[in-house]
C-alpha atoms as a PDB file:
ATOM      1  CA  MET A   1     120.967 -44.933 169.272  1.00  0.00           C
ATOM      2  CA  THR A   2     119.013 -47.686 171.024  1.00  0.00           C
ATOM      3  CA  THR A   3     119.109 -51.265 169.775  1.00  0.00           C
ATOM      4  CA  ILE A   4     116.224 -53.537 170.633  1.00  0.00           C
ATOM      5  CA  GLY A   5     116.492 -57.302 170.113  1.00  0.00           C
ATOM      6  CA  LYS A   6     113.786 -59.956 170.031  1.00  0.00           C
ATOM      7  CA  PHE A   7     113.631 -63.180 172.000  1.00  0.00           C
ATOM      8  CA  LEU A   8     111.660 -66.393 171.632  1.00  0.00           C
ATOM      9  CA  ASP A   9     109.795 -67.339 174.812  1.00  0.00           C
ATOM     10  CA  ALA A  10     109.583 -71.137 174.762  1.00  0.00           C
ATOM     11  CA  SER A  11     108.523 -73.845 177.167  1.00  0.00           C
ATOM     12  CA  THR A  12     111.251 -76.022 178.667  1.00  0.00           C
ATOM     13  CA  GLU A  13     109.095 -78.907 177.370  1.00  0.00           C
ATOM     14  CA  HIS A  14     110.807 -78.322 174.003  1.00  0.00           C
ATOM     15  CA  LEU A  15     114.022 -79.759 175.435  1.00  0.00           C
ATOM     16  CA  SER A  16     114.541 -83.465 176.081  1.00  0.00           C
ATOM     17  CA  ARG A  17     115.317 -84.616 179.622  1.00  0.00           C
ATOM     18  CA  VAL A  18     118.928 -85.325 178.570  1.00  0.00           C
ATOM     19  CA  GLU A  19     119.290 -81.797 177.138  1.00  0.00           C
ATOM     20  CA  ARG A  20     117.749 -80.180 180.230  1.00  0.00           C
ATOM     21  CA  ASP A  21     120.130 -82.178 182.428  1.00  0.00           C
ATOM     22  CA  GLU A  22     123.099 -81.069 180.319  1.00  0.00           C
ATOM     23  CA  LEU A  23     122.030 -77.415 180.504  1.00  0.00           C
ATOM     24  CA  GLU A  24     121.545 -77.776 184.257  1.00  0.00           C
ATOM     25  CA  ALA A  25     125.085 -79.170 184.596  1.00  0.00           C
ATOM     26  CA  GLY A  26     126.463 -76.279 182.536  1.00  0.00           C
ATOM     27  CA  LEU A  27     127.995 -76.158 179.090  1.00  0.00           C
ATOM     28  CA  ASP A  28     131.533 -75.213 178.181  1.00  0.00           C
ATOM     29  CA  ASP A  29     132.496 -71.927 176.552  1.00  0.00           C
ATOM     30  CA  SER A  30     132.393 -73.364 173.008  1.00  0.00           C
ATOM     31  CA  THR A  31     128.594 -73.539 173.040  1.00  0.00           C
ATOM     32  CA  PRO A  32     126.135 -70.690 172.601  1.00  0.00           C
ATOM     33  CA  ARG A  33     125.999 -68.560 175.741  1.00  0.00           C
ATOM     34  CA  VAL A  34     123.675 -70.071 178.353  1.00  0.00           C
ATOM     35  CA  ILE A  35     122.422 -68.133 181.374  1.00  0.00           C
ATOM     36  CA  PRO A  36     120.463 -70.219 183.900  1.00  0.00           C
ATOM     37  CA  HIS A  37     117.547 -68.701 185.783  1.00  0.00           C
ATOM     38  CA  GLU A  38     115.077 -69.989 188.347  1.00  0.00           C
ATOM     39  CA  HIS A  39     112.726 -71.615 185.816  1.00  0.00           C
ATOM     40  CA  GLY A  40     115.003 -72.408 182.866  1.00  0.00           C
ATOM     41  CA  TRP A  41     117.687 -70.828 180.695  1.00  0.00           C
ATOM     42  CA  TRP A  42     118.379 -67.874 178.449  1.00  0.00           C
ATOM     43  CA  ILE A  43     120.307 -69.088 175.405  1.00  0.00           C
ATOM     44  CA  HIS A  44     121.968 -66.752 172.928  1.00  0.00           C
ATOM     45  CA  VAL A  45     121.118 -67.428 169.280  1.00  0.00           C
ATOM     46  CA  PRO A  46     124.422 -67.602 167.369  1.00  0.00           C
ATOM     47  CA  VAL A  47     124.843 -65.168 164.496  1.00  0.00           C
ATOM     48  CA  ALA A  48     126.408 -67.771 162.205  1.00  0.00           C
ATOM     49  CA  GLU A  49     124.764 -71.139 161.512  1.00  0.00           C
ATOM     50  CA  CYS A  50     128.109 -72.869 162.032  1.00  0.00           C
ATOM     51  CA  ASP A  51     128.098 -71.664 165.652  1.00  0.00           C
ATOM     52  CA  CYS A  52     125.314 -74.196 166.347  1.00  0.00           C
ATOM     53  CA  LYS A  53     127.641 -77.126 165.668  1.00  0.00           C
ATOM     54  CA  ALA A  54     128.732 -77.171 169.307  1.00  0.00           C
ATOM     55  CA  VAL A  55     125.231 -78.315 170.286  1.00  0.00           C
ATOM     56  CA  GLU A  56     124.459 -80.614 167.337  1.00  0.00           C
ATOM     57  CA  HIS A  57     124.330 -83.513 169.815  1.00  0.00           C
ATOM     58  CA  MET A  58     121.298 -81.683 171.280  1.00  0.00           C
ATOM     59  CA  PRO A  59     118.716 -81.928 168.462  1.00  0.00           C
ATOM     60  CA  ALA A  60     115.852 -80.205 170.297  1.00  0.00           C
ATOM     61  CA  LEU A  61     118.022 -77.224 171.245  1.00  0.00           C
ATOM     62  CA  THR A  62     119.439 -77.057 167.711  1.00  0.00           C
ATOM     63  CA  ALA A  63     115.897 -77.022 166.261  1.00  0.00           C
ATOM     64  CA  ALA A  64     114.878 -74.237 168.650  1.00  0.00           C
ATOM     65  CA  LEU A  65     117.977 -72.192 167.773  1.00  0.00           C
ATOM     66  CA  ARG A  66     117.196 -72.531 164.069  1.00  0.00           C
ATOM     67  CA  ALA A  67     113.553 -71.550 164.634  1.00  0.00           C
ATOM     68  CA  ALA A  68     114.599 -68.509 166.677  1.00  0.00           C
ATOM     69  CA  LYS A  69     117.111 -67.484 164.010  1.00  0.00           C
ATOM     70  CA  LYS A  70     114.399 -67.614 161.322  1.00  0.00           C
ATOM     71  CA  LEU A  71     112.330 -65.266 163.501  1.00  0.00           C
ATOM     72  CA  ASP A  72     115.323 -62.879 163.873  1.00  0.00           C
ATOM     73  CA  CYS A  73     115.498 -63.516 167.622  1.00  0.00           C
ATOM     74  CA  TRP A  74     118.717 -62.870 169.495  1.00  0.00           C
ATOM     75  CA  TRP A  75     117.841 -65.052 172.485  1.00  0.00           C
ATOM     76  CA  ILE A  76     115.622 -67.935 173.532  1.00  0.00           C
ATOM     77  CA  ASN A  77     114.123 -67.874 176.994  1.00  0.00           C
ATOM     78  CA  PHE A  78     113.376 -71.486 177.873  1.00  0.00           C
ATOM     79  CA  ASP A  79     110.986 -71.125 180.797  1.00  0.00           C
ATOM     80  CA  ALA A  80     108.904 -73.742 182.610  1.00  0.00           C
ATOM     81  CA  ASP A  81     105.941 -71.331 182.570  1.00  0.00           C
ATOM     82  CA  ALA A  82     106.218 -70.306 178.904  1.00  0.00           C
ATOM     83  CA  ASP A  83     103.870 -71.516 176.187  1.00  0.00           C
ATOM     84  CA  GLN A  84     104.781 -74.182 173.679  1.00  0.00           C
ATOM     85  CA  VAL A  85     105.967 -72.964 170.284  1.00  0.00           C
ATOM     86  CA  ASP A  86     104.219 -74.292 167.178  1.00  0.00           C
ATOM     87  CA  GLY A  87     106.533 -76.431 165.079  1.00  0.00           C
ATOM     88  CA  LEU A  88     108.873 -77.497 167.883  1.00  0.00           C
ATOM     89  CA  GLU A  89     108.757 -81.016 169.303  1.00  0.00           C
ATOM     90  CA  VAL A  90     107.426 -81.416 172.842  1.00  0.00           C
ATOM     91  CA  TYR A  91     109.039 -83.775 175.377  1.00  0.00           C
ATOM     92  CA  GLU A  92     107.766 -84.944 178.748  1.00  0.00           C
END
């Protein structure tokens, strides 16, 4: 049996400069899984809402995780070349 998951393709502009810097520096293992790539990050959407508490100090990322969860996405691909997502705040 093949399982296919969805992902939200979102612009890195949805993350504040402070949050992008923190993702660039790397997060500890208590946060959702983060996989850096050349133009951004893949971030795993936690199954349980309580799993987002580790990034509550990152309001833009938390909002994106909640939006992705509502869309039944398993991952968010934050990419510098991706489009902006309606409903998410945009930062410079």
